[in-house]
Amino acid sequence: MTSSETASTASVQTSDHDGVLVAVVKGELDMISVDEVGTALFDHLAKGPEGLVVELAVDFMGSSALSVLLKLHAQAQSDGVGFAIVATQAAAARPLMASALSQVLPMAESVDEAVKMAGKQPETADQSGQ
């Protein structure tokens, strides 16, 4: 297997939704591709968008991808960037649910919902009870 074959197992395509960057991850997120995909996602986050939405349109997602998502979420919080994940396909939803990360990470059922979530500052939700 050559490096060009392994590099094509996953891809990231982005689009801007009024300041919120939507990154669609396709393919297989395994030990071979997760570093490249993770680097791309962190690079997009470093550009300082208002929010970052990661849509996991993957055929496979290994445990190494869960670690990257946790680190990405932590970095987004540290940078004050809104963050949300869309995982409607079973290949992404199952590992997130089985690991209980679906209860820790901000999840949305659609890209539109995720864009709204990621575009808001997290602190505003805490003040609604007053």
C-alpha atoms as a PDB file:
ATOM      1  CA  MET A   1       0.000   0.000   0.000  1.00  0.00           C
ATOM      2  CA  THR A   2       1.451   3.379  -0.976  1.00  0.00           C
ATOM      3  CA  SER A   3       1.085   6.671   0.869  1.00  0.00           C
ATOM      4  CA  SER A   4      -1.118   8.036  -1.914  1.00  0.00           C
ATOM      5  CA  GLU A   5      -3.547   5.161  -1.347  1.00  0.00           C
ATOM      6  CA  THR A   6      -3.712   5.743   2.391  1.00  0.00           C
ATOM      7  CA  ALA A   7      -4.147   9.498   1.992  1.00  0.00           C
ATOM      8  CA  SER A   8      -7.318   8.961  -0.019  1.00  0.00           C
ATOM      9  CA  THR A   9      -9.187   6.956   2.655  1.00  0.00           C
ATOM     10  CA  ALA A  10     -10.715  10.143   4.081  1.00  0.00           C
ATOM     11  CA  SER A  11     -11.281  13.700   2.925  1.00  0.00           C
ATOM     12  CA  VAL A  12     -12.409  17.029   4.379  1.00  0.00           C
ATOM     13  CA  GLN A  13     -14.468  19.501   2.361  1.00  0.00           C
ATOM     14  CA  THR A  14     -15.406  22.870   3.835  1.00  0.00           C
ATOM     15  CA  SER A  15     -17.970  25.567   3.216  1.00  0.00           C
ATOM     16  CA  ASP A  16     -18.741  28.846   4.969  1.00  0.00           C
ATOM     17  CA  HIS A  17     -22.193  29.417   6.472  1.00  0.00           C
ATOM     18  CA  ASP A  18     -22.214  33.072   7.588  1.00  0.00           C
ATOM     19  CA  GLY A  19     -18.951  32.796   9.511  1.00  0.00           C
ATOM     20  CA  VAL A  20     -19.484  29.218  10.700  1.00  0.00           C
ATOM     21  CA  LEU A  21     -17.201  26.790   8.909  1.00  0.00           C
ATOM     22  CA  VAL A  22     -18.788  23.447   8.026  1.00  0.00           C
ATOM     23  CA  ALA A  23     -16.247  20.657   7.498  1.00  0.00           C
ATOM     24  CA  VAL A  24     -17.656  17.500   5.940  1.00  0.00           C
ATOM     25  CA  VAL A  25     -15.503  14.441   6.634  1.00  0.00           C
ATOM     26  CA  LYS A  26     -16.019  11.578   4.179  1.00  0.00           C
ATOM     27  CA  GLY A  27     -14.472   8.153   3.809  1.00  0.00           C
ATOM     28  CA  GLU A  28     -12.906   6.038   6.523  1.00  0.00           C
ATOM     29  CA  LEU A  29     -11.613   7.676   9.695  1.00  0.00           C
ATOM     30  CA  ASP A  30      -9.130   5.044  10.819  1.00  0.00           C
ATOM     31  CA  MET A  31      -5.637   5.009  12.320  1.00  0.00           C
ATOM     32  CA  ILE A  32      -4.147   5.725   8.902  1.00  0.00           C
ATOM     33  CA  SER A  33      -6.276   8.734   7.946  1.00  0.00           C
ATOM     34  CA  VAL A  34      -7.149  10.294  11.307  1.00  0.00           C
ATOM     35  CA  ASP A  35      -3.916  12.284  11.667  1.00  0.00           C
ATOM     36  CA  GLU A  36      -4.321  13.953   8.282  1.00  0.00           C
ATOM     37  CA  VAL A  37      -7.996  14.713   8.888  1.00  0.00           C
ATOM     38  CA  GLY A  38      -7.291  15.925  12.426  1.00  0.00           C
ATOM     39  CA  THR A  39      -4.554  18.245  11.187  1.00  0.00           C
ATOM     40  CA  ALA A  40      -6.902  19.688   8.560  1.00  0.00           C
ATOM     41  CA  LEU A  41      -9.635  20.281  11.165  1.00  0.00           C
ATOM     42  CA  PHE A  42      -7.226  21.921  13.629  1.00  0.00           C
ATOM     43  CA  ASP A  43      -5.871  24.120  10.809  1.00  0.00           C
ATOM     44  CA  HIS A  44      -9.414  25.287  10.019  1.00  0.00           C
ATOM     45  CA  LEU A  45     -10.040  25.977  13.708  1.00  0.00           C
ATOM     46  CA  ALA A  46      -6.822  28.006  13.934  1.00  0.00           C
ATOM     47  CA  LYS A  47      -8.179  30.402  11.285  1.00  0.00           C
ATOM     48  CA  GLY A  48     -10.623  31.663  13.921  1.00  0.00           C
ATOM     49  CA  PRO A  49     -14.065  31.056  12.458  1.00  0.00           C
ATOM     50  CA  GLU A  50     -17.111  32.094  14.479  1.00  0.00           C
ATOM     51  CA  GLY A  51     -17.945  28.410  14.742  1.00  0.00           C
ATOM     52  CA  LEU A  52     -16.870  25.021  13.454  1.00  0.00           C
ATOM     53  CA  VAL A  53     -19.272  22.250  12.509  1.00  0.00           C
ATOM     54  CA  VAL A  54     -17.878  18.781  11.801  1.00  0.00           C
ATOM     55  CA  GLU A  55     -20.246  16.656   9.743  1.00  0.00           C
ATOM     56  CA  LEU A  56     -19.172  13.019   9.974  1.00  0.00           C
ATOM     57  CA  ALA A  57     -20.359  11.528   6.684  1.00  0.00           C
ATOM     58  CA  VAL A  58     -18.041   8.550   7.128  1.00  0.00           C
ATOM     59  CA  ASP A  59     -18.208   4.867   6.260  1.00  0.00           C
ATOM     60  CA  PHE A  60     -16.065   3.907   9.255  1.00  0.00           C
ATOM     61  CA  MET A  61     -14.871   5.704  12.389  1.00  0.00           C
ATOM     62  CA  GLY A  62     -12.338   4.180  14.743  1.00  0.00           C
ATOM     63  CA  SER A  63     -11.549   5.048  18.346  1.00  0.00           C
ATOM     64  CA  SER A  64      -8.651   7.284  17.309  1.00  0.00           C
ATOM     65  CA  ALA A  65     -11.180   9.602  15.661  1.00  0.00           C
ATOM     66  CA  LEU A  66     -13.070   9.921  18.969  1.00  0.00           C
ATOM     67  CA  SER A  67      -9.897  11.181  20.617  1.00  0.00           C
ATOM     68  CA  VAL A  68      -9.387  13.771  17.864  1.00  0.00           C
ATOM     69  CA  LEU A  69     -12.976  15.001  18.252  1.00  0.00           C
ATOM     70  CA  LEU A  70     -12.508  15.427  22.011  1.00  0.00           C
ATOM     71  CA  LYS A  71      -9.276  17.378  21.504  1.00  0.00           C
ATOM     72  CA  LEU A  72     -10.869  19.496  18.770  1.00  0.00           C
ATOM     73  CA  HIS A  73     -13.809  20.331  21.031  1.00  0.00           C
ATOM     74  CA  ALA A  74     -11.458  21.285  23.880  1.00  0.00           C
ATOM     75  CA  GLN A  75      -9.416  23.524  21.569  1.00  0.00           C
ATOM     76  CA  ALA A  76     -12.572  25.193  20.226  1.00  0.00           C
ATOM     77  CA  GLN A  77     -13.699  25.925  23.798  1.00  0.00           C
ATOM     78  CA  SER A  78     -10.261  27.297  24.663  1.00  0.00           C
ATOM     79  CA  ASP A  79     -10.304  29.535  21.568  1.00  0.00           C
ATOM     80  CA  GLY A  80     -13.887  30.699  22.190  1.00  0.00           C
ATOM     81  CA  VAL A  81     -15.077  29.165  18.919  1.00  0.00           C
ATOM     82  CA  GLY A  82     -18.537  27.586  18.732  1.00  0.00           C
ATOM     83  CA  PHE A  83     -18.443  23.871  17.946  1.00  0.00           C
ATOM     84  CA  ALA A  84     -20.918  21.160  16.970  1.00  0.00           C
ATOM     85  CA  ILE A  85     -20.888  17.699  15.429  1.00  0.00           C
ATOM     86  CA  VAL A  86     -23.383  16.149  13.031  1.00  0.00           C
ATOM     87  CA  ALA A  87     -23.315  12.351  12.975  1.00  0.00           C
ATOM     88  CA  THR A  88     -26.443  11.002  11.326  1.00  0.00           C
ATOM     89  CA  GLN A  89     -24.837   7.963   9.681  1.00  0.00           C
ATOM     90  CA  ALA A  90     -24.567   4.836  11.804  1.00  0.00           C
ATOM     91  CA  ALA A  91     -20.804   4.515  11.210  1.00  0.00           C
ATOM     92  CA  ALA A  92     -20.276   7.751  13.167  1.00  0.00           C
ATOM     93  CA  ALA A  93     -23.290   7.771  15.480  1.00  0.00           C
ATOM     94  CA  ARG A  94     -22.692   4.296  16.945  1.00  0.00           C
ATOM     95  CA  PRO A  95     -19.144   4.880  18.247  1.00  0.00           C
ATOM     96  CA  LEU A  96     -20.183   8.263  19.680  1.00  0.00           C
ATOM     97  CA  MET A  97     -23.154   6.702  21.469  1.00  0.00           C
ATOM     98  CA  ALA A  98     -21.309   3.560  22.604  1.00  0.00           C
ATOM     99  CA  SER A  99     -18.529   5.646  24.148  1.00  0.00           C
ATOM    100  CA  ALA A 100     -21.057   8.086  25.693  1.00  0.00           C
ATOM    101  CA  LEU A 101     -19.268  10.947  23.909  1.00  0.00           C
ATOM    102  CA  SER A 102     -22.611  11.886  22.387  1.00  0.00           C
ATOM    103  CA  GLN A 103     -23.466  13.146  25.889  1.00  0.00           C
ATOM    104  CA  VAL A 104     -20.209  15.129  26.202  1.00  0.00           C
ATOM    105  CA  LEU A 105     -19.750  16.591  22.734  1.00  0.00           C
ATOM    106  CA  PRO A 106     -22.230  19.122  21.298  1.00  0.00           C
ATOM    107  CA  MET A 107     -24.284  17.072  18.850  1.00  0.00           C
ATOM    108  CA  ALA A 108     -26.858  18.218  16.304  1.00  0.00           C
ATOM    109  CA  GLU A 109     -29.262  16.306  14.095  1.00  0.00           C
ATOM    110  CA  SER A 110     -28.655  18.430  10.986  1.00  0.00           C
ATOM    111  CA  VAL A 111     -26.091  20.834   9.571  1.00  0.00           C
ATOM    112  CA  ASP A 112     -28.579  23.731   9.880  1.00  0.00           C
ATOM    113  CA  GLU A 113     -29.108  22.984  13.582  1.00  0.00           C
ATOM    114  CA  ALA A 114     -25.346  22.612  14.106  1.00  0.00           C
ATOM    115  CA  VAL A 115     -24.628  25.947  12.400  1.00  0.00           C
ATOM    116  CA  LYS A 116     -27.093  27.638  14.761  1.00  0.00           C
ATOM    117  CA  MET A 117     -25.484  25.925  17.776  1.00  0.00           C
ATOM    118  CA  ALA A 118     -21.920  26.722  16.732  1.00  0.00           C
ATOM    119  CA  GLY A 119     -22.744  30.327  15.915  1.00  0.00           C
ATOM    120  CA  LYS A 120     -23.867  31.085  19.476  1.00  0.00           C
ATOM    121  CA  GLN A 121     -21.618  31.793  22.426  1.00  0.00           C
ATOM    122  CA  PRO A 122     -21.957  28.975  25.014  1.00  0.00           C
ATOM    123  CA  GLU A 123     -22.250  31.455  27.953  1.00  0.00           C
ATOM    124  CA  THR A 124     -25.578  32.838  26.720  1.00  0.00           C
ATOM    125  CA  ALA A 125     -27.330  29.523  27.360  1.00  0.00           C
ATOM    126  CA  ASP A 126     -26.266  29.580  31.043  1.00  0.00           C
ATOM    127  CA  GLN A 127     -28.047  32.881  31.710  1.00  0.00           C
ATOM    128  CA  SER A 128     -31.471  31.772  30.462  1.00  0.00           C
ATOM    129  CA  GLY A 129     -32.571  30.544  33.894  1.00  0.00           C
ATOM    130  CA  GLN A 130     -32.511  34.012  35.446  1.00  0.00           C
END
